[in-house]
Amino acid sequence: MKNIVLWIAQLFAAVYMAYTVVAFKFPGHPDSIHIFTKIGMEPVARIGSGVAELIAAILLLIPRTSWMGAFLGLGTMSGAIFFHLTSLGIEVVSPTTKKGDGGALFYTAIAIWVCCLIVLILRRKQLPIKV
């Protein structure tokens, strides 16, 4: 059961982070550009967080390095959650459709953060420090 939970958490976090990077951040989707412009960090943070999330996704898929991916994923998602709670707001309005996302980006960032925390807890014996 522990292995099933672990792999579900790893796969969810890895697949979703890789998807958002490939579909939105790297190609410069207008919604992604809008978000990072609103926080005053376009394009550096968009590309930088995309690189970090892609590395985290790859590391999460390798059992030996999944704790590193989870740690990096926690960091990137903490940043996303912080900006949603400050300058972005929980609901982000798309500049192309003029519709809000209903908080989907915020809640997904929380879900990925929780998945990464689960991976860190279940793989704590692999950490270079004793916890």
N, C-alpha and C. Protein backbone atom coordinates (compact mmCIF):
# COMPACT_ATOMS: atom_id res chain seq x y z
N MET A 1 0.82 -1.20 0.00
CA MET A 1 0.00 0.00 0.00
C MET A 1 0.87 1.27 0.00
N LYS A 2 1.94 1.24 0.80
CA LYS A 2 2.85 2.38 0.87
C LYS A 2 3.44 2.68 -0.51
N ASN A 3 3.83 1.63 -1.23
CA ASN A 3 4.40 1.81 -2.57
C ASN A 3 3.40 2.40 -3.55
N ILE A 4 2.14 2.00 -3.44
CA ILE A 4 1.11 2.51 -4.33
C ILE A 4 0.91 4.01 -4.09
N VAL A 5 0.78 4.39 -2.83
CA VAL A 5 0.62 5.81 -2.47
C VAL A 5 1.83 6.61 -2.94
N LEU A 6 3.01 6.06 -2.72
CA LEU A 6 4.25 6.72 -3.12
C LEU A 6 4.28 6.97 -4.62
N TRP A 7 3.99 5.95 -5.41
CA TRP A 7 4.04 6.10 -6.87
C TRP A 7 2.93 6.99 -7.41
N ILE A 8 1.76 6.96 -6.79
CA ILE A 8 0.69 7.87 -7.22
C ILE A 8 1.12 9.31 -6.97
N ALA A 9 1.69 9.58 -5.80
CA ALA A 9 2.15 10.93 -5.48
C ALA A 9 3.26 11.37 -6.43
N GLN A 10 4.23 10.49 -6.67
CA GLN A 10 5.34 10.82 -7.57
C GLN A 10 4.84 11.07 -8.99
N LEU A 11 3.98 10.19 -9.49
CA LEU A 11 3.49 10.34 -10.87
C LEU A 11 2.62 11.58 -11.04
N PHE A 12 1.72 11.84 -10.09
CA PHE A 12 0.87 13.02 -10.20
C PHE A 12 1.71 14.29 -10.26
N ALA A 13 2.63 14.42 -9.31
CA ALA A 13 3.47 15.62 -9.25
C ALA A 13 4.33 15.75 -10.50
N ALA A 14 4.97 14.66 -10.91
CA ALA A 14 5.88 14.70 -12.06
C ALA A 14 5.13 15.00 -13.36
N VAL A 15 4.04 14.31 -13.59
CA VAL A 15 3.30 14.49 -14.84
C VAL A 15 2.71 15.89 -14.93
N TYR A 16 2.11 16.36 -13.84
CA TYR A 16 1.49 17.68 -13.90
C TYR A 16 2.53 18.79 -14.07
N MET A 17 3.65 18.70 -13.34
CA MET A 17 4.69 19.73 -13.49
C MET A 17 5.27 19.72 -14.90
N ALA A 18 5.56 18.53 -15.44
CA ALA A 18 6.12 18.44 -16.79
C ALA A 18 5.12 18.97 -17.82
N TYR A 19 3.85 18.65 -17.65
CA TYR A 19 2.82 19.11 -18.58
C TYR A 19 2.73 20.64 -18.61
N THR A 20 2.68 21.27 -17.44
CA THR A 20 2.54 22.73 -17.42
C THR A 20 3.76 23.42 -18.02
N VAL A 21 4.93 22.82 -17.82
CA VAL A 21 6.15 23.40 -18.39
C VAL A 21 6.12 23.31 -19.90
N VAL A 22 5.82 22.13 -20.41
CA VAL A 22 5.86 21.90 -21.86
C VAL A 22 4.70 22.59 -22.58
N ALA A 23 3.53 22.62 -21.96
CA ALA A 23 2.35 23.19 -22.62
C ALA A 23 2.19 24.69 -22.42
N PHE A 24 2.68 25.23 -21.31
CA PHE A 24 2.42 26.63 -21.01
C PHE A 24 3.67 27.50 -20.83
N LYS A 25 4.58 27.08 -19.97
CA LYS A 25 5.70 27.95 -19.62
C LYS A 25 6.71 28.11 -20.75
N PHE A 26 7.24 27.01 -21.27
CA PHE A 26 8.27 27.12 -22.30
C PHE A 26 7.76 27.71 -23.62
N PRO A 27 6.56 27.34 -24.09
CA PRO A 27 6.09 27.95 -25.34
C PRO A 27 5.63 29.40 -25.19
N GLY A 28 5.54 29.89 -23.96
CA GLY A 28 5.12 31.28 -23.76
C GLY A 28 3.64 31.48 -23.97
N HIS A 29 2.84 30.59 -23.43
CA HIS A 29 1.38 30.71 -23.52
C HIS A 29 0.96 32.06 -22.91
N PRO A 30 -0.01 32.75 -23.53
CA PRO A 30 -0.42 34.07 -23.02
C PRO A 30 -0.83 34.07 -21.54
N ASP A 31 -1.47 33.00 -21.09
CA ASP A 31 -1.85 32.94 -19.67
C ASP A 31 -0.62 32.89 -18.77
N SER A 32 0.37 32.12 -19.18
CA SER A 32 1.60 32.01 -18.41
C SER A 32 2.35 33.34 -18.39
N ILE A 33 2.43 33.98 -19.53
CA ILE A 33 3.09 35.30 -19.62
C ILE A 33 2.34 36.31 -18.74
N HIS A 34 1.02 36.27 -18.76
CA HIS A 34 0.20 37.17 -17.94
C HIS A 34 0.51 36.99 -16.45
N ILE A 35 0.58 35.73 -16.00
CA ILE A 35 0.84 35.44 -14.59
C ILE A 35 2.20 35.99 -14.16
N PHE A 36 3.23 35.72 -14.95
CA PHE A 36 4.57 36.15 -14.55
C PHE A 36 4.78 37.65 -14.76
N THR A 37 4.03 38.26 -15.67
CA THR A 37 4.08 39.71 -15.82
C THR A 37 3.43 40.37 -14.60
N LYS A 38 2.33 39.78 -14.14
CA LYS A 38 1.62 40.33 -12.99
C LYS A 38 2.47 40.33 -11.72
N ILE A 39 3.36 39.34 -11.58
CA ILE A 39 4.23 39.32 -10.40
C ILE A 39 5.55 40.03 -10.67
N GLY A 40 5.71 40.58 -11.89
CA GLY A 40 6.88 41.37 -12.23
C GLY A 40 8.15 40.58 -12.48
N MET A 41 8.01 39.35 -12.95
CA MET A 41 9.19 38.50 -13.15
C MET A 41 9.20 37.79 -14.50
N GLU A 42 8.53 38.33 -15.48
CA GLU A 42 8.50 37.73 -16.81
C GLU A 42 9.72 38.21 -17.58
N PRO A 43 10.45 37.42 -18.29
CA PRO A 43 10.35 35.98 -18.55
C PRO A 43 11.25 35.14 -17.64
N VAL A 44 12.08 35.78 -16.82
CA VAL A 44 13.09 35.05 -16.04
C VAL A 44 12.46 33.99 -15.13
N ALA A 45 11.44 34.37 -14.36
CA ALA A 45 10.82 33.41 -13.43
C ALA A 45 10.02 32.35 -14.17
N ARG A 46 9.42 32.71 -15.30
CA ARG A 46 8.65 31.72 -16.08
C ARG A 46 9.58 30.62 -16.56
N ILE A 47 10.69 31.01 -17.16
CA ILE A 47 11.64 30.01 -17.70
C ILE A 47 12.38 29.33 -16.55
N GLY A 48 12.81 30.11 -15.55
CA GLY A 48 13.54 29.53 -14.42
C GLY A 48 12.72 28.52 -13.64
N SER A 49 11.47 28.87 -13.34
CA SER A 49 10.62 27.92 -12.62
C SER A 49 10.28 26.73 -13.51
N GLY A 50 10.18 26.97 -14.81
CA GLY A 50 9.95 25.87 -15.74
C GLY A 50 11.09 24.87 -15.74
N VAL A 51 12.31 25.38 -15.76
CA VAL A 51 13.49 24.49 -15.71
C VAL A 51 13.50 23.72 -14.39
N ALA A 52 13.25 24.42 -13.28
CA ALA A 52 13.24 23.76 -11.96
C ALA A 52 12.15 22.69 -11.89
N GLU A 53 10.97 22.99 -12.41
CA GLU A 53 9.88 22.02 -12.38
C GLU A 53 10.16 20.82 -13.28
N LEU A 54 10.78 21.05 -14.42
CA LEU A 54 11.12 19.94 -15.32
C LEU A 54 12.17 19.03 -14.68
N ILE A 55 13.17 19.62 -14.05
CA ILE A 55 14.18 18.83 -13.34
C ILE A 55 13.52 18.05 -12.20
N ALA A 56 12.63 18.71 -11.45
CA ALA A 56 11.92 18.03 -10.36
C ALA A 56 11.11 16.85 -10.88
N ALA A 57 10.43 17.05 -12.01
CA ALA A 57 9.61 15.98 -12.59
C ALA A 57 10.46 14.77 -12.97
N ILE A 58 11.60 15.02 -13.58
CA ILE A 58 12.49 13.92 -13.98
C ILE A 58 13.02 13.20 -12.74
N LEU A 59 13.47 13.97 -11.75
CA LEU A 59 14.00 13.36 -10.52
C LEU A 59 12.94 12.55 -9.78
N LEU A 60 11.70 13.01 -9.82
CA LEU A 60 10.62 12.30 -9.14
C LEU A 60 10.37 10.91 -9.74
N LEU A 61 10.67 10.74 -11.00
CA LEU A 61 10.40 9.47 -11.68
C LEU A 61 11.47 8.41 -11.45
N ILE A 62 12.59 8.80 -10.87
CA ILE A 62 13.69 7.87 -10.60
C ILE A 62 13.70 7.59 -9.10
N PRO A 63 13.42 6.35 -8.69
CA PRO A 63 13.31 6.06 -7.25
C PRO A 63 14.48 6.55 -6.41
N ARG A 64 15.68 6.43 -6.90
CA ARG A 64 16.86 6.85 -6.14
C ARG A 64 16.95 8.37 -5.93
N THR A 65 16.38 9.12 -6.86
CA THR A 65 16.46 10.59 -6.79
C THR A 65 15.12 11.25 -6.52
N SER A 66 14.09 10.45 -6.28
CA SER A 66 12.75 11.04 -6.12
C SER A 66 12.67 11.99 -4.93
N TRP A 67 13.46 11.75 -3.89
CA TRP A 67 13.44 12.67 -2.75
C TRP A 67 13.96 14.04 -3.16
N MET A 68 14.94 14.08 -4.07
CA MET A 68 15.46 15.36 -4.55
C MET A 68 14.40 16.10 -5.37
N GLY A 69 13.71 15.35 -6.23
CA GLY A 69 12.63 15.93 -7.02
C GLY A 69 11.51 16.45 -6.14
N ALA A 70 11.20 15.70 -5.08
CA ALA A 70 10.16 16.14 -4.14
C ALA A 70 10.58 17.42 -3.42
N PHE A 71 11.83 17.49 -3.02
CA PHE A 71 12.35 18.68 -2.34
C PHE A 71 12.28 19.90 -3.27
N LEU A 72 12.72 19.72 -4.51
CA LEU A 72 12.67 20.80 -5.49
C LEU A 72 11.23 21.17 -5.82
N GLY A 73 10.36 20.17 -5.93
CA GLY A 73 8.94 20.42 -6.18
C GLY A 73 8.29 21.20 -5.05
N LEU A 74 8.66 20.87 -3.81
CA LEU A 74 8.15 21.63 -2.66
C LEU A 74 8.53 23.10 -2.76
N GLY A 75 9.77 23.34 -3.16
CA GLY A 75 10.23 24.72 -3.29
C GLY A 75 9.50 25.50 -4.37
N THR A 76 9.36 24.90 -5.54
CA THR A 76 8.70 25.61 -6.64
C THR A 76 7.21 25.82 -6.35
N MET A 77 6.57 24.82 -5.77
CA MET A 77 5.15 24.96 -5.44
C MET A 77 4.93 25.93 -4.28
N SER A 78 5.88 26.00 -3.36
CA SER A 78 5.78 26.99 -2.28
C SER A 78 5.80 28.40 -2.86
N GLY A 79 6.64 28.61 -3.87
CA GLY A 79 6.67 29.90 -4.55
C GLY A 79 5.35 30.21 -5.24
N ALA A 80 4.80 29.21 -5.92
CA ALA A 80 3.51 29.41 -6.61
C ALA A 80 2.41 29.73 -5.60
N ILE A 81 2.36 28.98 -4.52
CA ILE A 81 1.34 29.22 -3.49
C ILE A 81 1.50 30.61 -2.88
N PHE A 82 2.74 31.01 -2.61
CA PHE A 82 3.01 32.34 -2.05
C PHE A 82 2.45 33.43 -2.97
N PHE A 83 2.73 33.35 -4.26
CA PHE A 83 2.26 34.40 -5.18
C PHE A 83 0.75 34.37 -5.36
N HIS A 84 0.14 33.20 -5.26
CA HIS A 84 -1.33 33.14 -5.32
C HIS A 84 -1.94 33.81 -4.09
N LEU A 85 -1.28 33.67 -2.96
CA LEU A 85 -1.81 34.27 -1.73
C LEU A 85 -1.49 35.75 -1.60
N THR A 86 -0.59 36.25 -2.43
CA THR A 86 -0.22 37.68 -2.35
C THR A 86 -0.69 38.41 -3.60
N SER A 87 0.13 38.50 -4.63
CA SER A 87 -0.18 39.37 -5.76
C SER A 87 -1.13 38.79 -6.80
N LEU A 88 -1.18 37.48 -6.97
CA LEU A 88 -2.03 36.90 -8.01
C LEU A 88 -3.48 36.72 -7.59
N GLY A 89 -3.68 36.30 -6.38
CA GLY A 89 -5.02 35.92 -5.93
C GLY A 89 -5.24 34.43 -6.19
N ILE A 90 -6.20 33.87 -5.50
CA ILE A 90 -6.46 32.44 -5.64
C ILE A 90 -7.00 32.14 -7.02
N GLU A 91 -7.89 32.97 -7.53
CA GLU A 91 -8.42 32.78 -8.88
C GLU A 91 -7.67 33.68 -9.84
N VAL A 92 -7.16 33.08 -10.92
CA VAL A 92 -6.43 33.83 -11.95
C VAL A 92 -7.34 33.99 -13.16
N VAL A 93 -7.49 35.23 -13.64
CA VAL A 93 -8.32 35.50 -14.82
C VAL A 93 -7.44 35.46 -16.06
N SER A 94 -7.87 34.67 -17.04
CA SER A 94 -7.12 34.53 -18.29
C SER A 94 -7.27 35.79 -19.13
N PRO A 95 -6.16 36.32 -19.67
CA PRO A 95 -6.27 37.50 -20.53
C PRO A 95 -6.89 37.17 -21.89
N THR A 96 -6.85 35.92 -22.29
CA THR A 96 -7.40 35.53 -23.60
C THR A 96 -8.90 35.28 -23.54
N THR A 97 -9.37 34.57 -22.52
CA THR A 97 -10.80 34.24 -22.43
C THR A 97 -11.57 35.18 -21.51
N LYS A 98 -10.84 35.94 -20.69
CA LYS A 98 -11.43 36.85 -19.69
C LYS A 98 -12.24 36.10 -18.63
N LYS A 99 -11.97 34.79 -18.49
CA LYS A 99 -12.65 33.98 -17.48
C LYS A 99 -11.65 33.57 -16.41
N GLY A 100 -12.15 33.43 -15.19
CA GLY A 100 -11.32 32.97 -14.09
C GLY A 100 -11.15 31.46 -14.13
N ASP A 101 -10.10 31.00 -13.49
CA ASP A 101 -9.83 29.55 -13.47
C ASP A 101 -10.50 28.86 -12.29
N GLY A 102 -11.24 29.60 -11.48
CA GLY A 102 -11.91 29.01 -10.33
C GLY A 102 -10.94 28.55 -9.24
N GLY A 103 -9.71 29.03 -9.32
CA GLY A 103 -8.69 28.65 -8.35
C GLY A 103 -7.97 27.37 -8.71
N ALA A 104 -8.16 26.88 -9.94
CA ALA A 104 -7.57 25.60 -10.36
C ALA A 104 -6.05 25.58 -10.22
N LEU A 105 -5.38 26.65 -10.64
CA LEU A 105 -3.92 26.69 -10.54
C LEU A 105 -3.47 26.66 -9.08
N PHE A 106 -4.15 27.41 -8.25
CA PHE A 106 -3.82 27.45 -6.82
C PHE A 106 -4.00 26.09 -6.16
N TYR A 107 -5.16 25.47 -6.39
CA TYR A 107 -5.45 24.18 -5.75
C TYR A 107 -4.55 23.07 -6.30
N THR A 108 -4.19 23.17 -7.57
CA THR A 108 -3.27 22.18 -8.14
C THR A 108 -1.88 22.34 -7.52
N ALA A 109 -1.44 23.58 -7.32
CA ALA A 109 -0.15 23.80 -6.67
C ALA A 109 -0.15 23.21 -5.26
N ILE A 110 -1.26 23.34 -4.55
CA ILE A 110 -1.36 22.74 -3.21
C ILE A 110 -1.31 21.21 -3.31
N ALA A 111 -2.02 20.65 -4.28
CA ALA A 111 -2.02 19.19 -4.45
C ALA A 111 -0.62 18.67 -4.76
N ILE A 112 0.10 19.37 -5.64
CA ILE A 112 1.47 18.95 -5.97
C ILE A 112 2.37 19.10 -4.74
N TRP A 113 2.19 20.18 -3.99
CA TRP A 113 2.98 20.39 -2.77
C TRP A 113 2.76 19.24 -1.79
N VAL A 114 1.50 18.84 -1.61
CA VAL A 114 1.18 17.73 -0.71
C VAL A 114 1.80 16.43 -1.23
N CYS A 115 1.71 16.18 -2.54
CA CYS A 115 2.31 14.98 -3.12
C CYS A 115 3.82 14.95 -2.88
N CYS A 116 4.47 16.08 -3.05
CA CYS A 116 5.92 16.14 -2.82
C CYS A 116 6.25 15.91 -1.35
N LEU A 117 5.42 16.42 -0.45
CA LEU A 117 5.63 16.19 0.98
C LEU A 117 5.46 14.70 1.30
N ILE A 118 4.47 14.06 0.71
CA ILE A 118 4.26 12.62 0.91
C ILE A 118 5.49 11.84 0.45
N VAL A 119 6.03 12.21 -0.72
CA VAL A 119 7.22 11.52 -1.23
C VAL A 119 8.38 11.70 -0.25
N LEU A 120 8.58 12.92 0.24
CA LEU A 120 9.67 13.15 1.20
C LEU A 120 9.49 12.34 2.48
N ILE A 121 8.28 12.27 2.96
CA ILE A 121 8.03 11.51 4.19
C ILE A 121 8.26 10.02 3.96
N LEU A 122 7.73 9.49 2.86
CA LEU A 122 7.85 8.05 2.61
C LEU A 122 9.25 7.63 2.16
N ARG A 123 10.03 8.58 1.67
CA ARG A 123 11.40 8.28 1.25
C ARG A 123 12.43 8.89 2.21
N ARG A 124 12.02 9.21 3.42
CA ARG A 124 12.90 9.89 4.37
C ARG A 124 14.17 9.11 4.69
N LYS A 125 14.15 7.80 4.56
CA LYS A 125 15.36 7.01 4.83
C LYS A 125 16.44 7.25 3.78
N GLN A 126 16.06 7.79 2.62
CA GLN A 126 17.03 8.10 1.57
C GLN A 126 17.67 9.47 1.74
N LEU A 127 17.12 10.28 2.62
CA LEU A 127 17.67 11.63 2.82
C LEU A 127 19.09 11.55 3.37
N PRO A 128 19.95 12.48 2.95
CA PRO A 128 21.34 12.45 3.42
C PRO A 128 21.49 12.82 4.90
N ILE A 129 20.42 13.32 5.50
CA ILE A 129 20.44 13.61 6.94
C ILE A 129 19.44 12.68 7.61
N LYS A 130 19.64 12.38 8.85
CA LYS A 130 18.72 11.50 9.57
C LYS A 130 17.58 12.30 10.17
N VAL A 131 16.37 11.91 9.78
CA VAL A 131 15.18 12.60 10.26
C VAL A 131 14.36 11.65 11.10
